[in-house]
């Protein structure tokens, strides 16, 4: 069995493949696959499965951020941080004006009552499905928190921050429910 992982793992391209491999591994354990070998395979398959889930979470987080209005703001913040010099304010950077920020936050708040977080119905394992949903929600809440902190800080340079109705802990609660 140890000689086949090089040929088998490249075939594991989707979460369903990893599930099928785990099912096959369990069947092989029942017919006598040794503990050390089975444990090694379980670790390899679980690692591959986690890599696929993490890649899906990263992609879905980006999509959710775009759908809810925070994607462009996040991109503008990353662009600003790449060229930031002492004394510069975020509000003077392209894409981070007060109007842009208010518009994005308005769109984000509107979607809070039905966030576009994927249901992950294709993930059969309920623990992994819940993990993926929670992780996307955490990632979106973290981006909001960064935006919130920037707007409230001196570095932000925003004269009015009253458009930030919710603090990051409230957003985290709303998205995690």
N, C-alpha and C. Protein backbone atom coordinates (compact mmCIF):
# COMPACT_ATOMS: atom_id res chain seq x y z
N UNK A 1 0.82 -1.20 0.00
CA UNK A 1 0.00 0.00 0.00
C UNK A 1 0.86 1.26 0.00
N UNK A 2 1.98 1.25 0.67
CA UNK A 2 2.79 2.45 0.77
C UNK A 2 3.36 2.90 -0.56
N UNK A 3 3.47 2.01 -1.53
CA UNK A 3 4.06 2.35 -2.82
C UNK A 3 3.06 3.03 -3.76
N UNK A 4 1.81 3.03 -3.42
CA UNK A 4 0.79 3.52 -4.35
C UNK A 4 0.40 4.97 -4.11
N UNK A 5 0.83 5.57 -2.99
CA UNK A 5 0.36 6.93 -2.73
C UNK A 5 0.78 7.91 -3.81
N UNK A 6 1.93 7.69 -4.44
CA UNK A 6 2.36 8.57 -5.52
C UNK A 6 1.43 8.51 -6.72
N UNK A 7 0.82 7.36 -6.95
CA UNK A 7 -0.10 7.21 -8.08
C UNK A 7 -1.53 7.59 -7.72
N UNK A 8 -1.90 7.43 -6.46
CA UNK A 8 -3.28 7.66 -6.04
C UNK A 8 -3.57 9.12 -5.71
N UNK A 9 -2.68 9.79 -5.01
CA UNK A 9 -2.96 11.15 -4.55
C UNK A 9 -3.21 12.15 -5.68
N UNK A 10 -2.53 12.07 -6.82
CA UNK A 10 -2.86 13.01 -7.90
C UNK A 10 -4.31 12.88 -8.39
N UNK A 11 -4.93 11.74 -8.13
CA UNK A 11 -6.33 11.54 -8.51
C UNK A 11 -7.30 12.20 -7.53
N UNK A 12 -6.79 12.64 -6.41
CA UNK A 12 -7.61 13.26 -5.37
C UNK A 12 -7.69 14.76 -5.67
N UNK A 13 -8.64 15.13 -6.54
CA UNK A 13 -8.73 16.50 -7.01
C UNK A 13 -9.90 17.28 -6.41
N UNK A 14 -10.86 16.56 -5.84
CA UNK A 14 -12.04 17.20 -5.27
C UNK A 14 -12.31 16.61 -3.90
N UNK A 15 -13.13 17.32 -3.12
CA UNK A 15 -13.45 16.82 -1.79
C UNK A 15 -14.10 15.44 -1.85
N UNK A 16 -14.91 15.22 -2.85
CA UNK A 16 -15.56 13.91 -2.99
C UNK A 16 -14.53 12.80 -3.18
N UNK A 17 -13.43 13.11 -3.84
CA UNK A 17 -12.36 12.12 -4.02
C UNK A 17 -11.73 11.76 -2.68
N UNK A 18 -11.51 12.76 -1.85
CA UNK A 18 -10.92 12.51 -0.53
C UNK A 18 -11.87 11.67 0.32
N UNK A 19 -13.16 11.95 0.24
CA UNK A 19 -14.15 11.17 0.97
C UNK A 19 -14.14 9.72 0.49
N UNK A 20 -14.07 9.53 -0.82
CA UNK A 20 -14.02 8.17 -1.38
C UNK A 20 -12.76 7.45 -0.92
N UNK A 21 -11.64 8.17 -0.87
CA UNK A 21 -10.40 7.56 -0.41
C UNK A 21 -10.49 7.17 1.07
N UNK A 22 -11.13 8.02 1.87
CA UNK A 22 -11.29 7.69 3.30
C UNK A 22 -12.19 6.46 3.46
N UNK A 23 -13.23 6.37 2.66
CA UNK A 23 -14.13 5.22 2.71
C UNK A 23 -13.37 3.95 2.33
N UNK A 24 -12.57 4.05 1.28
CA UNK A 24 -11.77 2.90 0.85
C UNK A 24 -10.76 2.52 1.93
N UNK A 25 -10.17 3.49 2.57
CA UNK A 25 -9.21 3.23 3.64
C UNK A 25 -9.89 2.51 4.80
N UNK A 26 -11.09 2.95 5.16
CA UNK A 26 -11.83 2.29 6.25
C UNK A 26 -12.15 0.84 5.90
N UNK A 27 -12.50 0.60 4.63
CA UNK A 27 -12.77 -0.77 4.20
C UNK A 27 -11.50 -1.61 4.28
N UNK A 28 -10.38 -1.01 3.91
CA UNK A 28 -9.12 -1.75 3.96
C UNK A 28 -8.69 -2.03 5.41
N UNK A 29 -9.03 -1.14 6.31
CA UNK A 29 -8.73 -1.38 7.73
C UNK A 29 -9.51 -2.60 8.23
N UNK A 30 -10.75 -2.71 7.77
CA UNK A 30 -11.60 -3.82 8.20
C UNK A 30 -11.08 -5.17 7.70
N UNK A 31 -10.37 -5.16 6.58
CA UNK A 31 -9.87 -6.44 6.05
C UNK A 31 -8.39 -6.66 6.38
N UNK A 32 -7.85 -5.82 7.29
CA UNK A 32 -6.54 -6.12 7.82
C UNK A 32 -5.40 -5.16 7.53
N UNK A 33 -5.67 -3.98 7.00
CA UNK A 33 -4.59 -3.02 6.79
C UNK A 33 -4.02 -2.64 8.15
N UNK A 34 -2.71 -2.72 8.29
CA UNK A 34 -2.03 -2.48 9.56
C UNK A 34 -2.19 -1.07 10.08
N UNK A 35 -2.07 -0.94 11.41
CA UNK A 35 -2.27 0.33 12.10
C UNK A 35 -1.35 1.44 11.66
N UNK A 36 -0.06 1.17 11.52
CA UNK A 36 0.90 2.20 11.14
C UNK A 36 0.64 2.67 9.71
N UNK A 37 0.44 1.73 8.83
CA UNK A 37 0.17 2.08 7.42
C UNK A 37 -1.15 2.83 7.31
N UNK A 38 -2.18 2.33 7.99
CA UNK A 38 -3.50 2.98 7.95
C UNK A 38 -3.42 4.39 8.51
N UNK A 39 -2.69 4.54 9.60
CA UNK A 39 -2.54 5.85 10.23
C UNK A 39 -1.84 6.83 9.29
N UNK A 40 -0.81 6.35 8.61
CA UNK A 40 -0.08 7.20 7.66
C UNK A 40 -1.00 7.65 6.54
N UNK A 41 -1.78 6.70 5.98
CA UNK A 41 -2.71 7.04 4.91
C UNK A 41 -3.78 8.01 5.38
N UNK A 42 -4.27 7.78 6.57
CA UNK A 42 -5.30 8.67 7.12
C UNK A 42 -4.75 10.09 7.23
N UNK A 43 -3.51 10.23 7.69
CA UNK A 43 -2.87 11.53 7.81
C UNK A 43 -2.70 12.19 6.44
N UNK A 44 -2.26 11.41 5.45
CA UNK A 44 -2.05 11.93 4.10
C UNK A 44 -3.37 12.40 3.49
N UNK A 45 -4.39 11.57 3.59
CA UNK A 45 -5.69 11.91 3.00
C UNK A 45 -6.32 13.10 3.72
N UNK A 46 -6.23 13.12 5.06
CA UNK A 46 -6.79 14.24 5.82
C UNK A 46 -6.08 15.54 5.47
N UNK A 47 -4.77 15.49 5.29
CA UNK A 47 -4.01 16.67 4.90
C UNK A 47 -4.43 17.20 3.53
N UNK A 48 -4.61 16.29 2.60
CA UNK A 48 -5.06 16.66 1.26
C UNK A 48 -6.46 17.28 1.32
N UNK A 49 -7.33 16.66 2.11
CA UNK A 49 -8.70 17.16 2.29
C UNK A 49 -8.68 18.57 2.89
N UNK A 50 -7.84 18.79 3.89
CA UNK A 50 -7.75 20.10 4.54
C UNK A 50 -7.24 21.15 3.56
N UNK A 51 -6.26 20.79 2.73
CA UNK A 51 -5.75 21.72 1.72
C UNK A 51 -6.86 22.14 0.75
N UNK A 52 -7.68 21.17 0.34
CA UNK A 52 -8.77 21.48 -0.59
C UNK A 52 -9.82 22.37 0.07
N UNK A 53 -10.14 22.08 1.31
CA UNK A 53 -11.14 22.89 2.02
C UNK A 53 -10.60 24.31 2.22
N UNK A 54 -9.34 24.43 2.62
CA UNK A 54 -8.76 25.75 2.82
C UNK A 54 -8.75 26.57 1.52
N UNK A 55 -8.45 25.91 0.41
CA UNK A 55 -8.46 26.61 -0.89
C UNK A 55 -9.87 27.07 -1.23
N UNK A 56 -10.86 26.23 -0.96
CA UNK A 56 -12.25 26.60 -1.22
C UNK A 56 -12.68 27.75 -0.32
N UNK A 57 -12.26 27.71 0.94
CA UNK A 57 -12.59 28.79 1.88
C UNK A 57 -11.99 30.11 1.42
N UNK A 58 -10.75 30.08 0.97
CA UNK A 58 -10.08 31.29 0.49
C UNK A 58 -10.83 31.87 -0.70
N UNK A 59 -11.17 31.02 -1.65
CA UNK A 59 -11.90 31.45 -2.84
C UNK A 59 -13.28 31.99 -2.46
N UNK A 60 -13.98 31.26 -1.60
CA UNK A 60 -15.33 31.69 -1.21
C UNK A 60 -15.31 32.97 -0.39
N UNK A 61 -14.28 33.15 0.43
CA UNK A 61 -14.17 34.40 1.20
C UNK A 61 -14.04 35.58 0.24
N UNK A 62 -13.20 35.42 -0.77
CA UNK A 62 -13.02 36.49 -1.76
C UNK A 62 -14.34 36.79 -2.45
N UNK A 63 -15.07 35.74 -2.84
CA UNK A 63 -16.36 35.94 -3.50
C UNK A 63 -17.37 36.62 -2.59
N UNK A 64 -17.44 36.23 -1.33
CA UNK A 64 -18.37 36.84 -0.39
C UNK A 64 -18.01 38.32 -0.19
N UNK A 65 -16.72 38.60 -0.05
CA UNK A 65 -16.30 40.00 0.12
C UNK A 65 -16.70 40.84 -1.09
N UNK A 66 -16.56 40.29 -2.29
CA UNK A 66 -16.97 41.01 -3.50
C UNK A 66 -18.48 41.22 -3.51
N UNK A 67 -19.23 40.16 -3.15
CA UNK A 67 -20.69 40.24 -3.16
C UNK A 67 -21.23 41.24 -2.14
N UNK A 68 -20.55 41.38 -1.02
CA UNK A 68 -21.10 42.22 0.05
C UNK A 68 -20.49 43.62 0.08
N UNK A 69 -19.67 43.97 -0.90
CA UNK A 69 -19.18 45.33 -1.00
C UNK A 69 -17.84 45.61 -0.35
N UNK A 70 -17.29 44.66 0.37
CA UNK A 70 -16.03 44.92 1.07
C UNK A 70 -14.79 44.52 0.26
N UNK A 71 -14.97 43.81 -0.83
CA UNK A 71 -13.84 43.34 -1.62
C UNK A 71 -13.00 44.47 -2.18
N UNK A 72 -13.64 45.47 -2.77
CA UNK A 72 -12.90 46.59 -3.35
C UNK A 72 -12.18 47.39 -2.27
N UNK A 73 -12.84 47.53 -1.12
CA UNK A 73 -12.21 48.27 -0.01
C UNK A 73 -10.98 47.50 0.48
N UNK A 74 -11.11 46.19 0.64
CA UNK A 74 -9.99 45.36 1.07
C UNK A 74 -8.83 45.47 0.08
N UNK A 75 -9.13 45.42 -1.20
CA UNK A 75 -8.08 45.55 -2.22
C UNK A 75 -7.41 46.92 -2.16
N UNK A 76 -8.21 47.96 -1.95
CA UNK A 76 -7.65 49.31 -1.86
C UNK A 76 -6.77 49.46 -0.62
N UNK A 77 -7.16 48.82 0.47
CA UNK A 77 -6.34 48.87 1.70
C UNK A 77 -5.00 48.18 1.45
N UNK A 78 -5.04 47.02 0.81
CA UNK A 78 -3.80 46.31 0.50
C UNK A 78 -2.91 47.14 -0.42
N UNK A 79 -3.51 47.81 -1.38
CA UNK A 79 -2.77 48.68 -2.30
C UNK A 79 -2.15 49.85 -1.53
N UNK A 80 -2.91 50.44 -0.61
CA UNK A 80 -2.43 51.57 0.18
C UNK A 80 -1.25 51.13 1.06
N UNK A 81 -1.38 49.95 1.69
CA UNK A 81 -0.32 49.48 2.58
C UNK A 81 0.98 49.23 1.83
N UNK A 82 0.88 48.91 0.55
CA UNK A 82 2.08 48.67 -0.26
C UNK A 82 2.86 49.95 -0.52
N UNK A 83 2.16 51.08 -0.50
CA UNK A 83 2.82 52.35 -0.81
C UNK A 83 2.76 53.34 0.36
N UNK A 84 2.34 52.89 1.50
CA UNK A 84 2.14 53.78 2.65
C UNK A 84 3.43 54.45 3.10
N UNK A 85 3.33 55.74 3.33
CA UNK A 85 4.42 56.50 3.94
C UNK A 85 3.86 57.24 5.15
N UNK A 86 4.69 57.48 6.13
CA UNK A 86 4.28 58.15 7.36
C UNK A 86 3.58 59.46 7.03
N UNK A 87 2.45 59.69 7.68
CA UNK A 87 1.69 60.92 7.48
C UNK A 87 0.59 60.80 6.44
N UNK A 88 0.62 59.76 5.65
CA UNK A 88 -0.41 59.55 4.63
C UNK A 88 -1.71 59.10 5.31
N UNK A 89 -2.84 59.53 4.78
CA UNK A 89 -4.12 59.07 5.32
C UNK A 89 -4.80 58.15 4.32
N UNK A 90 -5.51 57.18 4.86
CA UNK A 90 -6.20 56.21 4.01
C UNK A 90 -7.26 56.91 3.14
N UNK A 91 -7.93 57.89 3.71
CA UNK A 91 -9.02 58.55 2.99
C UNK A 91 -8.55 59.26 1.73
N UNK A 92 -7.24 59.52 1.62
CA UNK A 92 -6.72 60.17 0.41
C UNK A 92 -6.27 59.16 -0.64
N UNK A 93 -6.32 57.88 -0.30
CA UNK A 93 -5.89 56.84 -1.24
C UNK A 93 -7.05 56.48 -2.18
N UNK A 94 -6.76 56.21 -3.46
CA UNK A 94 -7.83 55.81 -4.39
C UNK A 94 -8.60 54.59 -3.90
N UNK A 95 -9.91 54.70 -3.93
CA UNK A 95 -10.78 53.61 -3.50
C UNK A 95 -11.12 53.64 -2.02
N UNK A 96 -10.51 54.56 -1.27
CA UNK A 96 -10.76 54.62 0.17
C UNK A 96 -11.32 55.97 0.61
N UNK A 97 -11.88 56.72 -0.31
CA UNK A 97 -12.49 57.99 0.06
C UNK A 97 -13.65 57.73 1.02
N UNK A 98 -14.05 58.77 1.68
CA UNK A 98 -15.17 58.63 2.63
C UNK A 98 -16.43 58.15 1.91
N UNK A 99 -16.69 58.67 0.72
CA UNK A 99 -17.87 58.24 -0.05
C UNK A 99 -17.77 56.76 -0.43
N UNK A 100 -16.59 56.32 -0.88
CA UNK A 100 -16.39 54.90 -1.23
C UNK A 100 -16.61 54.02 -0.02
N UNK A 101 -16.05 54.45 1.09
CA UNK A 101 -16.15 53.66 2.32
C UNK A 101 -17.61 53.58 2.78
N UNK A 102 -18.30 54.70 2.78
CA UNK A 102 -19.70 54.71 3.20
C UNK A 102 -20.56 53.83 2.30
N UNK A 103 -20.33 53.91 1.01
CA UNK A 103 -21.10 53.09 0.06
C UNK A 103 -20.88 51.60 0.29
N UNK A 104 -19.64 51.22 0.49
CA UNK A 104 -19.32 49.80 0.71
C UNK A 104 -19.94 49.30 2.02
N UNK A 105 -19.83 50.10 3.04
CA UNK A 105 -20.39 49.70 4.34
C UNK A 105 -21.91 49.60 4.25
N UNK A 106 -22.54 50.50 3.52
CA UNK A 106 -24.00 50.45 3.34
C UNK A 106 -24.41 49.13 2.67
N UNK A 107 -23.69 48.74 1.63
CA UNK A 107 -23.97 47.48 0.94
C UNK A 107 -23.76 46.31 1.90
N UNK A 108 -22.67 46.35 2.65
CA UNK A 108 -22.35 45.28 3.59
C UNK A 108 -23.45 45.14 4.65
N UNK A 109 -23.86 46.25 5.24
CA UNK A 109 -24.91 46.20 6.27
C UNK A 109 -26.22 45.65 5.70
N UNK A 110 -26.53 45.98 4.46
CA UNK A 110 -27.76 45.50 3.84
C UNK A 110 -27.77 43.98 3.71
N UNK A 111 -26.61 43.38 3.51
CA UNK A 111 -26.57 41.93 3.33
C UNK A 111 -26.42 41.16 4.64
N UNK A 112 -26.27 41.85 5.75
CA UNK A 112 -26.07 41.17 7.03
C UNK A 112 -27.23 40.27 7.44
N UNK A 113 -28.41 40.58 6.97
CA UNK A 113 -29.57 39.80 7.36
C UNK A 113 -29.72 38.51 6.56
N UNK A 114 -28.99 38.44 5.45
CA UNK A 114 -28.95 37.22 4.65
C UNK A 114 -27.58 37.14 3.98
N UNK A 115 -26.54 36.90 4.78
CA UNK A 115 -25.18 36.93 4.21
C UNK A 115 -24.99 35.85 3.15
N UNK A 116 -24.25 36.18 2.10
CA UNK A 116 -24.04 35.25 0.98
C UNK A 116 -22.96 34.19 1.28
N UNK A 117 -22.96 33.67 2.48
CA UNK A 117 -21.98 32.64 2.85
C UNK A 117 -22.48 31.31 2.31
N UNK A 118 -21.63 30.60 1.57
CA UNK A 118 -22.05 29.33 0.97
C UNK A 118 -22.52 28.32 2.02
N UNK A 119 -23.45 27.46 1.62
CA UNK A 119 -23.97 26.43 2.52
C UNK A 119 -23.08 25.20 2.57
N UNK A 120 -22.23 25.05 1.56
CA UNK A 120 -21.32 23.90 1.47
C UNK A 120 -22.08 22.57 1.49
N UNK A 121 -23.16 22.52 0.77
CA UNK A 121 -23.95 21.29 0.66
C UNK A 121 -23.18 20.15 0.03
N UNK A 122 -22.13 20.47 -0.72
CA UNK A 122 -21.34 19.41 -1.36
C UNK A 122 -20.38 18.73 -0.39
N UNK A 123 -20.20 19.32 0.79
CA UNK A 123 -19.35 18.69 1.80
C UNK A 123 -20.24 17.79 2.64
N UNK A 124 -20.01 16.50 2.56
CA UNK A 124 -20.86 15.53 3.26
C UNK A 124 -20.64 15.52 4.77
N UNK A 125 -19.43 15.76 5.19
CA UNK A 125 -19.11 15.73 6.62
C UNK A 125 -19.65 16.99 7.28
N UNK A 126 -20.61 16.86 8.22
CA UNK A 126 -21.21 18.05 8.83
C UNK A 126 -20.21 18.89 9.64
N UNK A 127 -19.19 18.25 10.20
CA UNK A 127 -18.18 19.00 10.96
C UNK A 127 -17.36 19.87 10.01
N UNK A 128 -16.95 19.31 8.87
CA UNK A 128 -16.20 20.09 7.89
C UNK A 128 -17.07 21.19 7.26
N UNK A 129 -18.33 20.87 7.04
CA UNK A 129 -19.25 21.86 6.46
C UNK A 129 -19.39 23.05 7.40
N UNK A 130 -19.57 22.78 8.69
CA UNK A 130 -19.70 23.85 9.68
C UNK A 130 -18.40 24.63 9.79
N UNK A 131 -17.27 23.92 9.77
CA UNK A 131 -15.95 24.57 9.83
C UNK A 131 -15.80 25.55 8.66
N UNK A 132 -16.14 25.10 7.45
CA UNK A 132 -15.98 25.95 6.27
C UNK A 132 -16.87 27.20 6.37
N UNK A 133 -18.12 27.03 6.74
CA UNK A 133 -19.02 28.18 6.87
C UNK A 133 -18.52 29.16 7.93
N UNK A 134 -18.12 28.61 9.08
CA UNK A 134 -17.63 29.47 10.17
C UNK A 134 -16.36 30.20 9.78
N UNK A 135 -15.48 29.52 9.06
CA UNK A 135 -14.21 30.13 8.67
C UNK A 135 -14.44 31.28 7.68
N UNK A 136 -15.34 31.11 6.72
CA UNK A 136 -15.65 32.20 5.79
C UNK A 136 -16.24 33.38 6.58
N UNK A 137 -17.15 33.09 7.51
CA UNK A 137 -17.75 34.15 8.33
C UNK A 137 -16.67 34.87 9.15
N UNK A 138 -15.75 34.12 9.74
CA UNK A 138 -14.65 34.72 10.51
C UNK A 138 -13.78 35.61 9.62
N UNK A 139 -13.48 35.14 8.42
CA UNK A 139 -12.64 35.91 7.49
C UNK A 139 -13.31 37.22 7.10
N UNK A 140 -14.61 37.17 6.83
CA UNK A 140 -15.34 38.39 6.47
C UNK A 140 -15.38 39.34 7.66
N UNK A 141 -15.63 38.81 8.85
CA UNK A 141 -15.65 39.64 10.05
C UNK A 141 -14.28 40.26 10.31
N UNK A 142 -13.22 39.53 10.03
CA UNK A 142 -11.86 40.07 10.22
C UNK A 142 -11.59 41.23 9.26
N UNK A 143 -12.06 41.11 8.03
CA UNK A 143 -11.88 42.20 7.06
C UNK A 143 -12.67 43.43 7.54
N UNK A 144 -13.90 43.22 8.01
CA UNK A 144 -14.68 44.34 8.54
C UNK A 144 -13.96 44.99 9.71
N UNK A 145 -13.41 44.16 10.58
CA UNK A 145 -12.69 44.68 11.75
C UNK A 145 -11.51 45.55 11.32
N UNK A 146 -10.76 45.11 10.32
CA UNK A 146 -9.63 45.91 9.80
C UNK A 146 -10.11 47.24 9.24
N UNK A 147 -11.22 47.20 8.51
CA UNK A 147 -11.78 48.42 7.95
C UNK A 147 -12.24 49.35 9.07
N UNK A 148 -12.93 48.80 10.04
CA UNK A 148 -13.44 49.56 11.18
C UNK A 148 -12.29 50.26 11.91
N UNK A 149 -11.24 49.49 12.20
CA UNK A 149 -10.09 50.06 12.91
C UNK A 149 -9.42 51.15 12.09
N UNK A 150 -9.31 50.95 10.79
CA UNK A 150 -8.69 51.95 9.92
C UNK A 150 -9.51 53.24 9.93
N UNK A 151 -10.82 53.12 9.77
CA UNK A 151 -11.68 54.30 9.72
C UNK A 151 -11.62 55.06 11.05
N UNK A 152 -11.57 54.37 12.15
CA UNK A 152 -11.56 54.99 13.48
C UNK A 152 -10.18 55.56 13.85
N UNK A 153 -9.14 55.13 13.17
CA UNK A 153 -7.78 55.55 13.53
C UNK A 153 -7.40 56.89 12.91
N UNK A 154 -6.33 57.48 13.43
CA UNK A 154 -5.80 58.71 12.85
C UNK A 154 -5.30 58.45 11.43
N UNK A 155 -4.74 57.26 11.21
CA UNK A 155 -4.22 56.87 9.90
C UNK A 155 -5.32 56.92 8.84
N UNK A 156 -6.56 56.69 9.28
CA UNK A 156 -7.68 56.71 8.35
C UNK A 156 -7.94 58.08 7.76
N UNK A 157 -7.92 59.11 8.62
CA UNK A 157 -8.16 60.47 8.16
C UNK A 157 -9.60 60.76 7.82
N UNK A 158 -10.52 59.98 8.34
CA UNK A 158 -11.94 60.19 8.05
C UNK A 158 -12.53 61.17 9.06
N UNK A 159 -13.20 62.20 8.54
CA UNK A 159 -13.80 63.20 9.41
C UNK A 159 -15.05 62.65 10.10
N UNK A 160 -15.75 61.77 9.42
CA UNK A 160 -17.01 61.25 9.94
C UNK A 160 -16.97 59.72 9.90
N UNK A 161 -17.13 59.10 11.04
CA UNK A 161 -17.16 57.64 11.08
C UNK A 161 -18.51 57.13 11.57
N UNK A 162 -19.50 58.01 11.57
CA UNK A 162 -20.81 57.62 12.08
C UNK A 162 -21.49 56.57 11.21
N UNK A 163 -21.02 56.39 9.98
CA UNK A 163 -21.60 55.36 9.11
C UNK A 163 -21.26 53.95 9.58
N UNK A 164 -20.32 53.83 10.52
CA UNK A 164 -19.99 52.52 11.10
C UNK A 164 -20.93 52.27 12.28
N UNK A 165 -22.07 51.72 11.97
CA UNK A 165 -23.12 51.50 12.96
C UNK A 165 -22.77 50.38 13.93
N UNK A 166 -22.08 49.36 13.45
CA UNK A 166 -21.79 48.17 14.27
C UNK A 166 -20.29 48.06 14.53
N UNK A 167 -19.95 47.64 15.76
CA UNK A 167 -18.55 47.38 16.03
C UNK A 167 -18.21 45.95 15.59
N UNK A 168 -16.93 45.62 15.48
CA UNK A 168 -16.54 44.29 14.97
C UNK A 168 -17.13 43.10 15.74
N UNK A 169 -17.29 43.22 17.04
CA UNK A 169 -17.86 42.09 17.80
C UNK A 169 -19.32 41.85 17.42
N UNK A 170 -20.05 42.91 17.14
CA UNK A 170 -21.44 42.75 16.71
C UNK A 170 -21.51 42.07 15.34
N UNK A 171 -20.62 42.47 14.44
CA UNK A 171 -20.57 41.86 13.11
C UNK A 171 -20.23 40.38 13.23
N UNK A 172 -19.26 40.08 14.07
CA UNK A 172 -18.86 38.69 14.28
C UNK A 172 -20.05 37.88 14.77
N UNK A 173 -20.82 38.41 15.69
CA UNK A 173 -22.01 37.71 16.20
C UNK A 173 -23.05 37.51 15.11
N UNK A 174 -23.28 38.54 14.32
CA UNK A 174 -24.30 38.45 13.27
C UNK A 174 -23.90 37.42 12.22
N UNK A 175 -22.64 37.37 11.84
CA UNK A 175 -22.21 36.46 10.79
C UNK A 175 -22.07 35.03 11.28
N UNK A 176 -21.82 34.85 12.55
CA UNK A 176 -21.60 33.50 13.06
C UNK A 176 -22.90 32.80 13.46
N UNK A 177 -24.00 33.51 13.41
CA UNK A 177 -25.25 32.87 13.81
C UNK A 177 -25.90 32.12 12.67
